[in-house]
Amino acid sequence: MSSRPSRDGPERDYVQSLGRGLTVLQAFNAEQPAMTLADMSRATGLTRATARRLLHTLVALGFVCTDGRTFELTPRVLDLGFAYVSSLQLPDIAQPFMEALSDRVHESVSASVLDGAQIVYVARVNTQRIMGISLAIGSRLPAAWSEGCECCACSSRVCAWTRSRRSEQSR
């Protein structure tokens, strides 16, 4: 990954620190969802000192979490892409399954992730009702408000199954 400015705009308007911070965020992927400082330095080409400062800044801002050794993205990074995702209105891989469940139980179905004391909606299927709640992807609610709702956790086996289904569908 490159943290160099594009040739389209004047270099004086380019903020190198922001570019490097975004490079760090983009370094996380399915193969490396968690990285040590050394891993991040190798993946980005940044010095360990620079990678460390950027990672700790991202931790302070809530975009990355750490156990003291490894770093991982938090659901807060979804805030960065919310405007783009909501403008595209692309169904998540869970959307067809959520629609089937909604049709079967005649209730709205949502998928959310826990981000601290809040939940962030990442997918939703509404049912036709006279009155309802309008929750868009990216909406946040206190996690305590989700009390009484059925919650599912993604185990490694479920995630592996989801990845295999996704690869089958892309063939």
Protein backbone atom coordinates (compact mmCIF):
# COMPACT_ATOMS: atom_id res chain seq x y z
CA MET A 1 0.00 0.00 0.00
CA SER A 2 1.22 3.45 -0.77
CA SER A 3 0.75 6.51 1.40
CA ARG A 4 1.92 8.83 -1.39
CA PRO A 5 -0.30 11.61 -2.70
CA SER A 6 -2.00 11.19 -6.03
CA ARG A 7 -0.81 13.26 -8.94
CA ASP A 8 -4.33 14.70 -9.34
CA GLY A 9 -4.01 17.39 -6.66
CA PRO A 10 -1.36 19.72 -5.33
CA GLU A 11 1.04 17.98 -2.95
CA ARG A 12 0.90 20.95 -0.57
CA ASP A 13 -2.73 20.04 0.22
CA TYR A 14 -1.84 16.44 1.02
CA VAL A 15 -1.79 15.55 4.75
CA GLN A 16 0.78 12.77 5.06
CA SER A 17 -0.28 11.77 8.60
CA LEU A 18 -3.88 11.25 7.50
CA GLY A 19 -2.70 9.22 4.51
CA ARG A 20 -0.57 7.04 6.74
CA GLY A 21 -3.40 6.55 9.24
CA LEU A 22 -5.73 5.40 6.47
CA THR A 23 -3.00 3.08 5.19
CA VAL A 24 -2.89 1.48 8.65
CA LEU A 25 -6.68 1.00 8.67
CA GLN A 26 -6.57 -0.53 5.18
CA ALA A 27 -3.83 -2.98 6.18
CA PHE A 28 -6.31 -5.04 8.23
CA ASN A 29 -8.05 -7.71 6.15
CA ALA A 30 -9.61 -11.17 6.34
CA GLU A 31 -6.20 -12.84 6.35
CA GLN A 32 -4.86 -10.46 9.02
CA PRO A 33 -7.74 -9.24 11.18
CA ALA A 34 -5.32 -8.79 14.10
CA MET A 35 -1.71 -7.62 13.84
CA THR A 36 1.23 -6.97 16.07
CA LEU A 37 3.21 -3.77 15.71
CA ALA A 38 5.83 -5.65 13.67
CA ASP A 39 3.12 -7.09 11.40
CA MET A 40 1.71 -3.62 10.80
CA SER A 41 5.14 -2.18 10.05
CA ARG A 42 5.76 -4.91 7.47
CA ALA A 43 2.28 -4.64 5.93
CA THR A 44 2.44 -0.85 5.48
CA GLY A 45 6.13 -0.18 4.99
CA LEU A 46 6.00 2.30 7.86
CA THR A 47 8.65 2.37 10.57
CA ARG A 48 7.69 0.65 13.81
CA ALA A 49 7.72 4.02 15.60
CA THR A 50 5.32 5.58 13.07
CA ALA A 51 3.06 2.51 13.04
CA ARG A 52 3.01 2.55 16.87
CA ARG A 53 1.98 6.23 17.04
CA LEU A 54 -0.70 5.78 14.42
CA LEU A 55 -2.10 2.63 16.03
CA HIS A 56 -2.23 4.24 19.47
CA THR A 57 -3.96 7.30 17.98
CA LEU A 58 -6.52 5.01 16.33
CA VAL A 59 -7.00 3.21 19.67
CA ALA A 60 -7.61 6.57 21.40
CA LEU A 61 -10.18 7.46 18.72
CA GLY A 62 -11.94 4.08 19.08
CA PHE A 63 -11.20 2.74 15.58
CA VAL A 64 -8.74 0.09 16.79
CA CYS A 65 -8.50 -1.93 19.99
CA THR A 66 -5.54 -3.72 21.52
CA ASP A 67 -4.82 -6.38 24.09
CA GLY A 68 -1.36 -4.89 24.62
CA ARG A 69 0.24 -7.04 21.92
CA THR A 70 -2.10 -7.25 18.94
CA PHE A 71 -4.32 -4.63 17.34
CA GLU A 72 -7.75 -5.13 15.72
CA LEU A 73 -10.34 -2.92 14.07
CA THR A 74 -13.48 -2.04 16.02
CA PRO A 75 -16.99 -1.64 14.60
CA ARG A 76 -16.45 2.12 14.77
CA VAL A 77 -14.64 1.93 11.40
CA LEU A 78 -18.10 1.31 9.91
CA ASP A 79 -18.82 4.98 10.61
CA LEU A 80 -16.18 5.90 8.01
CA GLY A 81 -17.97 4.04 5.24
CA PHE A 82 -21.56 4.62 6.32
CA ALA A 83 -22.35 7.36 3.80
CA TYR A 84 -20.94 5.32 0.93
CA VAL A 85 -22.67 2.08 1.93
CA SER A 86 -26.01 3.76 2.55
CA SER A 87 -25.87 5.50 -0.81
CA LEU A 88 -25.23 2.20 -2.61
CA GLN A 89 -27.84 0.26 -0.64
CA LEU A 90 -26.06 -3.00 -1.40
CA PRO A 91 -27.37 -6.03 0.48
CA ASP A 92 -24.96 -7.60 2.85
CA ILE A 93 -24.25 -11.31 2.52
CA ALA A 94 -26.71 -11.79 5.39
CA GLN A 95 -29.53 -9.96 3.61
CA PRO A 96 -31.06 -12.97 1.78
CA PHE A 97 -31.00 -15.04 4.98
CA MET A 98 -32.50 -12.18 6.97
CA GLU A 99 -35.25 -11.73 4.38
CA ALA A 100 -36.10 -15.43 4.55
CA LEU A 101 -36.22 -15.29 8.34
CA SER A 102 -38.38 -12.15 8.27
CA ASP A 103 -40.79 -13.81 5.82
CA ARG A 104 -40.99 -16.87 8.04
CA VAL A 105 -41.58 -15.12 11.38
CA HIS A 106 -43.33 -11.98 10.03
CA GLU A 107 -41.07 -9.73 12.11
CA SER A 108 -38.30 -7.25 11.34
CA VAL A 109 -34.80 -8.73 11.43
CA SER A 110 -31.63 -6.81 12.16
CA ALA A 111 -27.95 -7.60 12.28
CA SER A 112 -25.79 -5.48 14.53
CA VAL A 113 -22.37 -5.51 16.11
CA LEU A 114 -21.46 -4.48 19.62
CA ASP A 115 -19.28 -1.36 19.82
CA GLY A 116 -18.59 -0.62 23.46
CA ALA A 117 -21.91 0.13 25.13
CA GLN A 118 -23.69 0.56 21.79
CA ILE A 119 -24.91 -1.65 18.98
CA VAL A 120 -24.37 -0.60 15.36
CA TYR A 121 -26.84 -1.86 12.76
CA VAL A 122 -25.08 -3.42 9.78
CA ALA A 123 -28.16 -4.90 8.02
CA ARG A 124 -31.93 -4.73 8.48
CA VAL A 125 -35.11 -6.17 6.97
CA ASN A 126 -38.35 -4.42 7.93
CA THR A 127 -41.82 -5.92 7.86
CA GLN A 128 -44.91 -4.05 6.69
CA ARG A 129 -46.57 -2.58 9.77
CA ILE A 130 -48.88 0.29 10.49
CA MET A 131 -46.26 1.68 12.85
CA GLY A 132 -42.61 0.78 12.99
CA ILE A 133 -39.14 1.93 13.84
CA SER A 134 -36.93 3.23 11.07
CA LEU A 135 -33.37 2.10 11.74
CA ALA A 136 -30.88 2.56 8.93
CA ILE A 137 -27.60 0.72 8.50
CA GLY A 138 -25.07 2.47 10.71
CA SER A 139 -27.69 3.52 13.29
CA ARG A 140 -26.49 3.25 16.87
CA LEU A 141 -28.49 2.40 19.96
CA PRO A 142 -27.46 1.70 23.53
CA ALA A 143 -26.77 -2.04 23.87
CA ALA A 144 -29.14 -2.14 26.85
CA TRP A 145 -32.02 -1.28 24.47
CA SER A 146 -31.46 -4.56 22.65
CA GLU A 147 -32.54 -6.46 25.78
CA GLY A 148 -35.23 -8.95 24.90
CA CYS A 149 -33.96 -9.38 21.36
CA GLU A 150 -32.48 -12.61 20.16
CA CYS A 151 -28.75 -12.30 19.66
CA CYS A 152 -26.45 -14.58 17.70
CA ALA A 153 -22.69 -14.80 17.88
CA CYS A 154 -20.55 -15.69 14.92
CA SER A 155 -18.45 -18.66 15.87
CA SER A 156 -15.41 -19.57 13.82
CA ARG A 157 -17.36 -22.46 12.25
CA VAL A 158 -20.21 -20.14 11.21
CA CYS A 159 -17.73 -17.62 9.78
CA ALA A 160 -15.93 -20.38 7.86
CA TRP A 161 -19.29 -21.55 6.49
CA THR A 162 -20.16 -17.98 5.48
CA ARG A 163 -16.81 -17.58 3.69
CA SER A 164 -17.32 -20.86 1.82
CA ARG A 165 -20.86 -19.80 0.77
CA ARG A 166 -19.55 -16.44 -0.41
CA SER A 167 -16.86 -18.11 -2.54
CA GLU A 168 -19.43 -20.53 -4.00
CA GLN A 169 -21.70 -17.62 -4.94
CA SER A 170 -18.86 -15.71 -6.63
CA ARG A 171 -18.07 -18.63 -8.98
